[in-house]
N, C-alpha and C. Protein backbone atom coordinates (compact mmCIF):
# COMPACT_ATOMS: atom_id res chain seq x y z
N MET A 1 9.56 0.29 6.19
CA MET A 1 8.76 1.28 5.74
C MET A 1 8.75 2.40 6.69
N GLN A 2 9.01 3.58 6.23
CA GLN A 2 9.04 4.77 7.08
C GLN A 2 7.57 5.45 7.07
N ILE A 3 7.05 5.59 8.30
CA ILE A 3 5.74 6.19 8.45
C ILE A 3 5.81 7.58 8.95
N GLU A 4 5.15 8.59 8.33
CA GLU A 4 5.15 9.98 8.76
C GLU A 4 3.67 10.34 9.03
N VAL A 5 3.26 10.80 10.20
CA VAL A 5 1.90 11.12 10.57
C VAL A 5 1.81 12.61 10.68
N LYS A 6 1.01 13.26 10.00
CA LYS A 6 0.89 14.71 9.96
C LYS A 6 -0.62 15.05 10.37
N GLY A 7 -0.69 16.14 11.01
CA GLY A 7 -2.13 16.73 11.34
C GLY A 7 -2.12 18.17 10.78
N ARG A 8 -3.25 18.31 10.09
CA ARG A 8 -3.48 19.66 9.42
C ARG A 8 -4.38 20.50 10.42
N HIS A 9 -3.77 21.51 11.05
CA HIS A 9 -4.61 22.23 12.04
C HIS A 9 -5.11 21.44 13.28
N MET A 10 -4.36 20.39 13.75
CA MET A 10 -4.63 19.70 14.79
C MET A 10 -3.40 18.89 15.26
N THR A 11 -3.36 18.62 16.49
CA THR A 11 -2.24 17.90 17.12
C THR A 11 -2.58 16.41 17.00
N ILE A 12 -1.43 15.61 16.82
CA ILE A 12 -1.59 14.11 16.63
C ILE A 12 -1.17 13.56 18.05
N SER A 13 -2.09 12.83 18.63
CA SER A 13 -1.66 12.20 19.85
C SER A 13 -0.95 10.88 19.66
N ASP A 14 -0.26 10.40 20.74
CA ASP A 14 0.48 9.15 20.64
C ASP A 14 -0.38 7.98 20.39
N ASP A 15 -1.68 7.96 20.76
CA ASP A 15 -2.61 6.89 20.61
C ASP A 15 -2.90 6.76 19.00
N ILE A 16 -3.09 7.77 18.41
CA ILE A 16 -3.41 7.88 16.90
C ILE A 16 -2.18 7.44 16.20
N ARG A 17 -0.89 7.92 16.57
CA ARG A 17 0.25 7.33 15.94
C ARG A 17 0.46 5.78 16.19
N ASP A 18 0.29 5.35 17.28
CA ASP A 18 0.20 3.93 17.52
C ASP A 18 -0.72 3.10 16.60
N HIS A 19 -1.92 3.73 16.56
CA HIS A 19 -2.92 2.98 15.73
C HIS A 19 -2.64 3.03 14.40
N VAL A 20 -2.11 4.10 13.83
CA VAL A 20 -1.67 4.16 12.44
C VAL A 20 -0.49 3.05 12.07
N GLU A 21 0.39 2.93 12.95
CA GLU A 21 1.54 2.04 12.85
C GLU A 21 1.04 0.49 12.94
N LYS A 22 0.03 0.26 13.77
CA LYS A 22 -0.62 -1.15 13.78
C LYS A 22 -1.34 -1.39 12.48
N ARG A 23 -2.19 -0.47 12.05
CA ARG A 23 -3.04 -0.64 10.98
C ARG A 23 -2.28 -0.83 9.63
N PHE A 24 -1.09 -0.09 9.59
CA PHE A 24 -0.31 -0.08 8.25
C PHE A 24 0.77 -1.24 8.35
N ALA A 25 0.82 -1.94 9.39
CA ALA A 25 1.93 -2.95 9.63
C ALA A 25 1.75 -4.01 8.46
N LYS A 26 0.55 -4.39 8.04
CA LYS A 26 0.33 -5.43 7.05
C LYS A 26 0.76 -4.85 5.61
N VAL A 27 0.56 -3.59 5.40
CA VAL A 27 1.13 -3.13 4.21
C VAL A 27 2.67 -2.96 4.19
N GLY A 28 3.18 -2.62 5.36
CA GLY A 28 4.58 -2.51 5.51
C GLY A 28 5.34 -3.87 5.21
N LYS A 29 4.65 -5.02 5.51
CA LYS A 29 5.26 -6.39 5.32
C LYS A 29 5.36 -6.59 3.71
N GLN A 30 4.46 -6.03 2.98
CA GLN A 30 4.38 -6.28 1.55
C GLN A 30 5.22 -5.37 0.66
N VAL A 31 5.83 -4.17 1.29
CA VAL A 31 6.56 -3.29 0.48
C VAL A 31 7.96 -3.28 0.98
N SER A 32 8.75 -2.54 0.25
CA SER A 32 10.26 -2.39 0.60
C SER A 32 10.52 -1.57 1.82
N GLU A 33 11.61 -1.75 2.48
CA GLU A 33 11.91 -0.83 3.59
C GLU A 33 12.16 0.49 3.16
N LEU A 34 12.49 0.77 1.94
CA LEU A 34 12.71 2.06 1.44
C LEU A 34 11.46 2.97 1.19
N ALA A 35 10.31 2.31 1.20
CA ALA A 35 9.06 2.86 0.97
C ALA A 35 8.59 3.86 2.08
N THR A 36 7.92 4.98 1.67
CA THR A 36 7.67 5.93 2.68
C THR A 36 6.03 6.08 2.57
N LEU A 37 5.44 6.20 3.83
CA LEU A 37 4.05 6.24 3.88
C LEU A 37 3.75 7.68 4.70
N GLU A 38 2.95 8.49 4.06
CA GLU A 38 2.58 9.77 4.60
C GLU A 38 1.06 9.73 5.02
N VAL A 39 0.65 9.87 6.22
CA VAL A 39 -0.66 9.88 6.71
C VAL A 39 -1.01 11.24 7.08
N GLU A 40 -2.02 11.94 6.52
CA GLU A 40 -2.42 13.31 6.80
C GLU A 40 -3.78 13.25 7.38
N LEU A 41 -4.00 13.79 8.45
CA LEU A 41 -5.24 13.88 9.07
C LEU A 41 -5.75 15.23 9.34
N TRP A 42 -6.95 15.49 9.10
CA TRP A 42 -7.53 16.75 9.39
C TRP A 42 -9.18 16.57 9.68
N GLU A 43 -9.67 17.71 10.13
CA GLU A 43 -11.24 17.66 10.30
C GLU A 43 -11.75 18.88 9.52
N HIS A 44 -12.83 18.55 8.90
CA HIS A 44 -13.58 19.65 8.12
C HIS A 44 -14.31 20.48 9.17
N GLN A 45 -14.25 21.87 8.81
CA GLN A 45 -14.87 22.79 9.81
C GLN A 45 -16.39 22.99 9.49
N ASN A 46 -16.99 22.43 8.41
CA ASN A 46 -18.26 22.58 8.07
C ASN A 46 -19.17 21.77 8.99
N PRO A 47 -20.03 22.39 9.82
CA PRO A 47 -20.85 21.66 10.88
C PRO A 47 -22.00 20.91 10.22
N SER A 48 -22.38 21.17 9.04
CA SER A 48 -23.54 20.36 8.29
C SER A 48 -22.89 19.10 7.80
N ASN A 49 -21.51 18.85 7.59
CA ASN A 49 -20.99 17.61 7.17
C ASN A 49 -20.73 16.66 8.33
N PRO A 50 -21.69 15.54 8.31
CA PRO A 50 -21.44 14.57 9.46
C PRO A 50 -20.07 13.79 9.35
N ASP A 51 -19.55 13.56 8.23
CA ASP A 51 -18.36 12.80 7.98
C ASP A 51 -17.20 13.87 7.91
N SER A 52 -16.90 14.48 9.19
CA SER A 52 -15.89 15.61 9.13
C SER A 52 -14.43 15.07 9.30
N HIS A 53 -14.24 13.87 9.74
CA HIS A 53 -12.81 13.50 10.00
C HIS A 53 -12.27 12.77 8.82
N VAL A 54 -11.15 13.29 8.14
CA VAL A 54 -10.50 12.91 7.05
C VAL A 54 -9.25 12.41 7.29
N ALA A 55 -8.88 11.24 6.58
CA ALA A 55 -7.52 10.63 6.53
C ALA A 55 -7.05 10.45 5.10
N GLU A 56 -5.93 10.94 4.82
CA GLU A 56 -5.40 10.76 3.49
C GLU A 56 -4.05 10.20 3.57
N VAL A 57 -3.76 9.15 2.79
CA VAL A 57 -2.58 8.39 2.90
C VAL A 57 -1.96 8.37 1.46
N THR A 58 -0.59 8.49 1.54
CA THR A 58 0.17 8.47 0.34
C THR A 58 1.31 7.55 0.52
N LEU A 59 1.46 6.49 -0.42
CA LEU A 59 2.46 5.53 -0.17
C LEU A 59 3.37 5.51 -1.43
N ARG A 60 4.69 5.86 -1.20
CA ARG A 60 5.62 6.06 -2.35
C ARG A 60 6.42 4.89 -2.33
N VAL A 61 6.37 3.98 -3.29
CA VAL A 61 7.17 2.79 -3.49
C VAL A 61 7.94 3.01 -4.83
N LYS A 62 8.85 2.06 -5.15
CA LYS A 62 9.75 2.22 -6.26
C LYS A 62 8.89 2.32 -7.49
N GLY A 63 8.99 3.50 -8.23
CA GLY A 63 8.26 3.58 -9.43
C GLY A 63 6.90 4.03 -9.49
N THR A 64 6.13 4.08 -8.34
CA THR A 64 4.75 4.49 -8.39
C THR A 64 4.42 5.15 -6.98
N THR A 65 3.31 5.84 -7.02
CA THR A 65 2.68 6.40 -5.90
C THR A 65 1.25 5.79 -5.66
N LEU A 66 0.90 5.31 -4.52
CA LEU A 66 -0.43 4.92 -4.21
C LEU A 66 -1.10 5.80 -3.26
N ARG A 67 -2.35 6.15 -3.46
CA ARG A 67 -3.01 7.06 -2.62
C ARG A 67 -4.46 6.61 -2.15
N ALA A 68 -4.76 6.90 -0.93
CA ALA A 68 -6.18 6.62 -0.52
C ALA A 68 -6.62 7.73 0.40
N SER A 69 -7.94 8.02 0.33
CA SER A 69 -8.50 9.05 1.10
C SER A 69 -9.87 8.69 1.54
N ASP A 70 -10.25 8.83 2.90
CA ASP A 70 -11.60 8.49 3.36
C ASP A 70 -12.02 9.41 4.46
N SER A 71 -13.30 9.55 4.52
CA SER A 71 -13.77 10.43 5.72
C SER A 71 -14.91 9.70 6.30
N SER A 72 -14.98 9.87 7.73
CA SER A 72 -16.13 9.33 8.51
C SER A 72 -16.34 10.22 9.78
N ARG A 73 -17.17 9.68 10.66
CA ARG A 73 -17.52 10.49 11.81
C ARG A 73 -16.44 10.32 12.77
N ASP A 74 -15.49 9.42 12.77
CA ASP A 74 -14.50 9.12 13.67
C ASP A 74 -13.09 9.02 13.05
N MET A 75 -12.14 9.59 13.64
CA MET A 75 -10.72 9.58 12.93
C MET A 75 -10.25 8.14 12.87
N VAL A 76 -10.44 7.39 13.88
CA VAL A 76 -9.93 5.99 13.91
C VAL A 76 -10.49 5.20 12.70
N HIS A 77 -11.85 5.40 12.49
CA HIS A 77 -12.55 4.69 11.47
C HIS A 77 -11.99 5.15 10.20
N SER A 78 -11.71 6.47 9.96
CA SER A 78 -11.25 6.88 8.74
C SER A 78 -9.87 6.20 8.43
N ILE A 79 -8.97 6.16 9.39
CA ILE A 79 -7.73 5.46 9.28
C ILE A 79 -7.78 4.05 8.90
N ASN A 80 -8.82 3.30 9.44
CA ASN A 80 -9.02 1.95 9.15
C ASN A 80 -9.53 1.79 7.60
N LEU A 81 -10.36 2.73 7.28
CA LEU A 81 -10.80 2.67 5.86
C LEU A 81 -9.78 2.87 4.87
N CYS A 82 -8.78 3.81 5.17
CA CYS A 82 -7.66 4.12 4.22
C CYS A 82 -6.63 2.93 4.38
N ALA A 83 -6.55 2.29 5.45
CA ALA A 83 -5.54 1.10 5.54
C ALA A 83 -6.20 -0.05 4.56
N ASP A 84 -7.42 -0.36 4.73
CA ASP A 84 -7.95 -1.39 4.00
C ASP A 84 -7.88 -1.18 2.43
N GLU A 85 -8.17 0.17 2.03
CA GLU A 85 -8.13 0.59 0.60
C GLU A 85 -6.65 0.50 0.15
N LEU A 86 -5.76 1.06 0.87
CA LEU A 86 -4.36 0.89 0.50
C LEU A 86 -3.83 -0.61 0.46
N ALA A 87 -4.26 -1.38 1.22
CA ALA A 87 -3.77 -2.82 1.18
C ALA A 87 -4.30 -3.53 -0.08
N ILE A 88 -5.41 -3.12 -0.57
CA ILE A 88 -5.96 -3.63 -1.80
C ILE A 88 -5.17 -3.15 -2.95
N GLN A 89 -4.81 -1.82 -2.92
CA GLN A 89 -3.90 -1.22 -4.01
C GLN A 89 -2.62 -1.89 -4.06
N VAL A 90 -2.01 -2.16 -2.87
CA VAL A 90 -0.64 -2.70 -2.82
C VAL A 90 -0.65 -4.09 -3.43
N LYS A 91 -1.65 -4.87 -3.03
CA LYS A 91 -1.86 -6.23 -3.56
C LYS A 91 -2.00 -6.20 -5.12
N ARG A 92 -2.78 -5.28 -5.63
CA ARG A 92 -3.04 -5.27 -7.03
C ARG A 92 -1.72 -4.86 -7.68
N HIS A 93 -1.01 -3.83 -7.15
CA HIS A 93 0.36 -3.50 -7.62
C HIS A 93 1.35 -4.66 -7.71
N ARG A 94 1.46 -5.26 -6.64
CA ARG A 94 2.36 -6.46 -6.54
C ARG A 94 2.00 -7.52 -7.49
N ASP A 95 0.76 -7.82 -7.74
CA ASP A 95 0.33 -8.87 -8.76
C ASP A 95 0.70 -8.41 -10.16
N LYS A 96 0.54 -7.04 -10.45
CA LYS A 96 0.89 -6.56 -11.72
C LYS A 96 2.33 -6.79 -11.99
N ARG A 97 3.26 -6.37 -11.15
CA ARG A 97 4.60 -6.58 -11.20
C ARG A 97 5.02 -7.96 -11.42
N ARG A 98 4.46 -8.89 -10.59
CA ARG A 98 4.71 -10.24 -10.73
C ARG A 98 4.34 -10.88 -12.05
N LYS A 99 3.23 -10.54 -12.60
CA LYS A 99 2.72 -10.95 -13.89
C LYS A 99 3.65 -10.44 -14.99
N ARG A 100 4.09 -9.17 -14.90
CA ARG A 100 4.91 -8.59 -15.90
C ARG A 100 6.30 -9.32 -15.82
N ARG A 101 6.89 -9.59 -14.71
CA ARG A 101 8.18 -10.21 -14.62
C ARG A 101 8.07 -11.70 -15.18
N GLU A 102 7.01 -12.36 -14.87
CA GLU A 102 6.78 -13.71 -15.37
C GLU A 102 6.72 -13.72 -16.88
N SER A 103 5.95 -12.83 -17.39
CA SER A 103 5.74 -12.87 -18.87
C SER A 103 7.02 -12.45 -19.60
N ARG A 104 7.82 -11.62 -19.00
CA ARG A 104 9.22 -11.17 -19.55
C ARG A 104 10.13 -12.44 -19.52
N ALA A 105 10.06 -13.23 -18.43
CA ALA A 105 10.88 -14.39 -18.28
C ALA A 105 10.52 -15.39 -19.26
N ALA A 106 9.27 -15.51 -19.48
CA ALA A 106 8.83 -16.57 -20.46
C ALA A 106 9.12 -16.21 -21.92
N ALA A 107 9.16 -14.92 -22.25
CA ALA A 107 9.55 -14.48 -23.47
C ALA A 107 10.98 -14.51 -23.72
N LEU A 108 11.85 -14.53 -22.71
CA LEU A 108 13.18 -14.55 -22.90
C LEU A 108 13.72 -15.94 -22.99
N GLN A 109 12.89 -16.90 -22.59
CA GLN A 109 13.27 -18.35 -22.48
C GLN A 109 13.18 -18.89 -23.95
N PRO A 110 14.21 -19.67 -24.38
CA PRO A 110 14.16 -20.22 -25.64
C PRO A 110 12.98 -21.23 -25.94
N PRO A 111 12.38 -21.32 -27.09
CA PRO A 111 11.23 -22.28 -27.27
C PRO A 111 11.46 -23.70 -27.06
N GLY A 112 12.80 -24.07 -27.24
CA GLY A 112 13.09 -25.43 -27.19
C GLY A 112 13.27 -26.01 -25.56
N MET A 113 13.33 -24.94 -24.76
CA MET A 113 13.59 -25.28 -23.35
C MET A 113 12.34 -25.11 -22.50
N ALA A 114 11.33 -25.87 -22.60
CA ALA A 114 10.16 -25.87 -21.88
C ALA A 114 10.21 -25.90 -20.41
N SER A 115 11.09 -26.92 -19.84
CA SER A 115 11.41 -27.06 -18.51
C SER A 115 12.72 -27.77 -18.42
N SER A 116 13.39 -27.57 -17.40
CA SER A 116 14.78 -28.08 -17.22
C SER A 116 14.82 -29.68 -17.09
N SER A 117 13.80 -30.29 -16.36
CA SER A 117 13.74 -31.59 -16.30
C SER A 117 13.65 -32.42 -17.70
N GLU A 118 12.92 -31.79 -18.69
CA GLU A 118 12.70 -32.37 -20.01
C GLU A 118 13.96 -32.32 -20.79
N GLY A 119 14.75 -31.33 -20.58
CA GLY A 119 16.00 -31.21 -21.27
C GLY A 119 17.06 -32.16 -20.78
N VAL A 120 17.07 -32.48 -19.52
CA VAL A 120 18.00 -33.48 -19.03
C VAL A 120 17.58 -34.85 -19.53
N SER A 121 16.43 -35.24 -19.56
CA SER A 121 16.02 -36.61 -19.98
C SER A 121 16.23 -36.69 -21.56
N ALA A 122 16.02 -35.66 -22.24
CA ALA A 122 16.14 -35.75 -23.83
C ALA A 122 17.68 -35.94 -24.07
N ALA A 123 18.63 -35.51 -23.21
CA ALA A 123 20.05 -35.50 -23.50
C ALA A 123 20.50 -36.91 -23.29
N LEU A 124 19.87 -37.63 -22.26
CA LEU A 124 20.27 -38.98 -22.03
C LEU A 124 19.90 -39.83 -23.09
């Protein structure tokens, strides 16, 4: 998975980049190597908003785009919230694809062929 970290009107330190790579490593293991992850970080300029640090994440996988956005008082906490939210979305997406694939395989299988071991014993 390719990770791209952007800062809107701010510079991104190496510590933040390392933290993003560590937090999204779990998601990276569940998706393809061709998937791209964009992390965009910025800070609201409104002084009355206590949750001013915003992290927005976009994951592009084959056939779909998953997004998560969170804000908090600390940038690292915002990144952690996004990583947790995106991990849930990726798991849900993988489960959907797996169920769809299994139901298609069951529909294509002939009704007489329940399992391969029963077919062998019936032939003998």
